[in-house]
Amino acid sequence: MPSDTKARIQAVARELFAEQGVRNTSLRQISERLGITKPALYYHFSSREDLVRSIVAPMVEECERFTRDRRAGDPRGLLDDYFELIWRHREVLVMMVRELSTLGELDLGTRMFEWRRELIALLLGDEITRAQQIRATVALGGMSDCAVEYAHLPLEEVKPTAVEAAAVVLGL
C-alpha cells in the first residue's frame, strides 16, 4: 500500500505530466506544488523515470491481467469492460500520448500492440481475415482515442457512444 505522501506525489506528477509532458516537468516543480522538499520526494522516488514507472505500472498490470484472465465470448461485454479499463487509466493514456517517447522509454509500445492482438483474438477468435483485424484495430484504437480526447467528460457521456461505435465497426 503506497504511503499518503507517495500517492500525493503520484497524483501531482500525473497532473503535471498530462499538462506539460514528462520531459517538461521537473521533480522540483512537483515538490514545489506539493509543498515538500526535493529530498522528501527523492525518499519516495529515486528519479523522474522511477516516478513515471510507478504511475504507469497499475495500468500495465491491469491490462495484462485483463487479457490474461478474460475468456473469449461475449464481445460486447468485452468492449464494455475494456472501455472501463482504459477510462480508469485515461490520465496515464493522456500522459503517454502527449509524450510518445514515454512508450519507448518504458518499453510499452511493443506490449501495447501485444495486448491489442490478444484483445482482438478474444473478440473475434484466432482465425480472422486481415479485414477483420483492421476493423478490430480501428475499433479498439478508436475507443482508446475517445478515452484520451474526451477524458474531461463524464464516463456516462462517452462510453455508450464509443462502445457502440466499436461494436458497429466490428459488425456486432
Protein backbone atom coordinates (compact mmCIF):
# COMPACT_ATOMS: atom_id res chain seq x y z
CA MET A 1 0.00 0.00 0.00
CA PRO A 2 1.59 3.32 -1.03
CA SER A 3 2.07 5.95 1.65
CA ASP A 4 -0.16 9.01 1.56
CA THR A 5 2.82 11.18 0.55
CA LYS A 6 3.77 8.76 -2.21
CA ALA A 7 0.19 8.76 -3.53
CA ARG A 8 0.09 12.58 -3.39
CA ILE A 9 3.37 12.78 -5.32
CA GLN A 10 2.00 10.43 -7.97
CA ALA A 11 -1.26 12.40 -8.26
CA VAL A 12 0.51 15.74 -8.70
CA ALA A 13 3.05 14.23 -11.10
CA ARG A 14 0.27 12.64 -13.19
CA GLU A 15 -1.45 16.01 -13.42
CA LEU A 16 1.73 17.90 -14.37
CA PHE A 17 2.87 15.21 -16.81
CA ALA A 18 -0.50 15.34 -18.57
CA GLU A 19 -0.41 19.18 -18.70
CA GLN A 20 3.24 19.75 -19.61
CA GLY A 21 4.65 16.42 -20.69
CA VAL A 22 7.09 14.23 -18.80
CA ARG A 23 10.24 15.86 -20.16
CA ASN A 24 8.98 19.36 -19.35
CA THR A 25 8.13 18.52 -15.75
CA SER A 26 10.92 18.61 -13.19
CA LEU A 27 10.95 16.96 -9.80
CA ARG A 28 11.42 20.46 -8.40
CA GLN A 29 8.07 21.55 -9.90
CA ILE A 30 6.38 18.52 -8.39
CA SER A 31 7.90 19.09 -4.95
CA GLU A 32 7.04 22.81 -5.04
CA ARG A 33 3.41 22.11 -5.98
CA LEU A 34 3.20 19.68 -3.07
CA GLY A 35 5.00 21.96 -0.64
CA ILE A 36 7.62 19.34 0.17
CA THR A 37 11.39 19.36 -0.25
CA LYS A 38 13.09 17.70 -3.18
CA PRO A 39 14.91 15.29 -0.79
CA ALA A 40 11.49 14.26 0.57
CA LEU A 41 10.41 13.46 -2.98
CA TYR A 42 13.65 11.52 -3.57
CA TYR A 43 12.90 9.49 -0.45
CA HIS A 44 9.92 8.02 -2.34
CA PHE A 45 11.23 8.05 -5.93
CA SER A 46 14.87 7.85 -6.98
CA SER A 47 14.29 9.61 -10.31
CA ARG A 48 11.67 11.05 -12.63
CA GLU A 49 11.78 7.75 -14.56
CA ASP A 50 11.09 5.82 -11.35
CA LEU A 51 8.11 8.11 -10.70
CA VAL A 52 6.79 7.67 -14.26
CA ARG A 53 7.09 3.89 -13.97
CA SER A 54 5.16 3.93 -10.70
CA ILE A 55 2.35 5.88 -12.38
CA VAL A 56 2.19 3.65 -15.46
CA ALA A 57 2.61 0.32 -13.61
CA PRO A 58 -1.01 -0.02 -12.40
CA MET A 59 -2.31 0.38 -15.98
CA VAL A 60 0.23 -2.13 -17.30
CA GLU A 61 -0.66 -4.65 -14.59
CA GLU A 62 -4.40 -4.24 -15.15
CA CYS A 63 -4.08 -4.58 -18.94
CA GLU A 64 -2.01 -7.73 -18.56
CA ARG A 65 -4.49 -9.16 -16.05
CA PHE A 66 -7.42 -8.24 -18.33
CA THR A 67 -6.04 -10.09 -21.35
CA ARG A 68 -4.71 -13.00 -19.29
CA ASP A 69 -7.87 -13.62 -17.24
CA ARG A 70 -10.52 -12.87 -19.87
CA ARG A 71 -12.13 -15.64 -21.88
CA ALA A 72 -13.45 -15.44 -25.43
CA GLY A 73 -17.16 -14.96 -25.92
CA ASP A 74 -19.46 -12.02 -25.23
CA PRO A 75 -17.64 -9.50 -27.44
CA ARG A 76 -19.98 -6.63 -26.43
CA GLY A 77 -19.24 -7.29 -22.77
CA LEU A 78 -15.53 -7.36 -23.53
CA LEU A 79 -15.76 -3.98 -25.34
CA ASP A 80 -17.72 -2.57 -22.42
CA ASP A 81 -15.22 -3.81 -19.83
CA TYR A 82 -12.23 -2.75 -21.94
CA PHE A 83 -13.58 0.79 -22.23
CA GLU A 84 -13.98 0.94 -18.44
CA LEU A 85 -10.38 -0.24 -18.05
CA ILE A 86 -8.93 2.41 -20.37
CA TRP A 87 -11.21 5.05 -18.85
CA ARG A 88 -9.82 4.31 -15.37
CA HIS A 89 -6.34 4.95 -16.76
CA ARG A 90 -7.18 7.84 -19.08
CA GLU A 91 -4.82 10.24 -17.29
CA VAL A 92 -1.94 7.86 -17.93
CA LEU A 93 -3.02 7.45 -21.57
CA VAL A 94 -3.18 11.25 -21.97
CA MET A 95 0.29 11.49 -20.45
CA MET A 96 1.68 8.85 -22.82
CA VAL A 97 0.01 10.29 -25.92
CA ARG A 98 1.27 13.75 -25.04
CA GLU A 99 4.79 12.38 -24.91
CA LEU A 100 5.14 9.27 -27.03
CA SER A 101 8.80 8.88 -26.05
CA THR A 102 7.46 7.62 -22.70
CA LEU A 103 6.26 4.49 -24.52
CA GLY A 104 9.76 3.81 -25.78
CA GLU A 105 11.50 4.60 -22.51
CA LEU A 106 9.25 2.21 -20.62
CA ASP A 107 9.22 -0.36 -23.45
CA LEU A 108 5.44 -0.13 -23.60
CA GLY A 109 4.89 0.22 -27.35
CA THR A 110 5.51 -3.46 -28.07
CA ARG A 111 3.48 -4.53 -25.03
CA MET A 112 0.52 -2.37 -26.04
CA PHE A 113 0.45 -3.88 -29.53
CA GLU A 114 0.60 -7.34 -27.98
CA TRP A 115 -2.36 -6.52 -25.69
CA ARG A 116 -4.28 -5.31 -28.72
CA ARG A 117 -3.58 -8.56 -30.60
CA GLU A 118 -4.72 -10.55 -27.56
CA LEU A 119 -7.89 -8.45 -27.30
CA ILE A 120 -8.62 -8.96 -30.99
CA ALA A 121 -8.27 -12.73 -30.55
CA LEU A 122 -10.64 -12.58 -27.56
CA LEU A 123 -13.12 -10.54 -29.59
CA LEU A 124 -13.01 -12.38 -32.91
CA GLY A 125 -11.02 -15.58 -32.43
CA ASP A 126 -7.65 -16.61 -33.81
CA GLU A 127 -8.72 -17.35 -37.38
CA ILE A 128 -9.76 -13.98 -38.74
CA THR A 129 -9.25 -12.17 -42.02
CA ARG A 130 -6.97 -9.21 -42.49
CA ALA A 131 -10.06 -7.01 -42.93
CA GLN A 132 -11.39 -8.19 -39.55
CA GLN A 133 -8.01 -7.44 -37.96
CA ILE A 134 -8.05 -3.94 -39.41
CA ARG A 135 -11.62 -3.30 -38.23
CA ALA A 136 -10.73 -4.54 -34.74
CA THR A 137 -7.68 -2.27 -34.66
CA VAL A 138 -9.88 0.69 -35.63
CA ALA A 139 -12.48 -0.27 -33.02
CA LEU A 140 -10.03 -0.66 -30.13
CA GLY A 141 -7.88 2.27 -31.17
CA GLY A 142 -10.96 4.46 -31.53
CA MET A 143 -12.10 3.56 -28.03
CA SER A 144 -8.66 4.46 -26.66
CA ASP A 145 -8.72 7.73 -28.58
CA CYS A 146 -12.12 8.56 -27.08
CA ALA A 147 -10.79 7.96 -23.56
CA VAL A 148 -7.97 10.43 -24.31
CA GLU A 149 -9.86 13.03 -26.36
CA TYR A 150 -12.89 13.17 -24.08
CA ALA A 151 -11.16 12.47 -20.76
CA HIS A 152 -12.68 15.66 -19.33
CA LEU A 153 -16.28 14.49 -19.97
CA PRO A 154 -18.32 12.15 -17.75
CA LEU A 155 -17.97 8.41 -18.44
CA GLU A 156 -21.74 8.14 -19.00
CA GLU A 157 -21.47 10.59 -21.88
CA VAL A 158 -18.55 8.94 -23.67
CA LYS A 159 -18.78 5.19 -23.02
CA PRO A 160 -22.11 4.30 -24.67
CA THR A 161 -21.23 6.00 -27.94
CA ALA A 162 -17.62 4.75 -28.01
CA VAL A 163 -18.61 1.14 -27.28
CA GLU A 164 -21.49 1.23 -29.78
CA ALA A 165 -19.23 2.66 -32.50
CA ALA A 166 -16.65 -0.07 -31.83
CA ALA A 167 -19.37 -2.72 -31.99
CA VAL A 168 -20.62 -1.34 -35.31
CA VAL A 169 -17.11 -1.31 -36.77
CA LEU A 170 -16.75 -4.96 -35.70
CA GLY A 171 -20.16 -5.87 -37.11
CA LEU A 172 -21.54 -6.96 -33.73
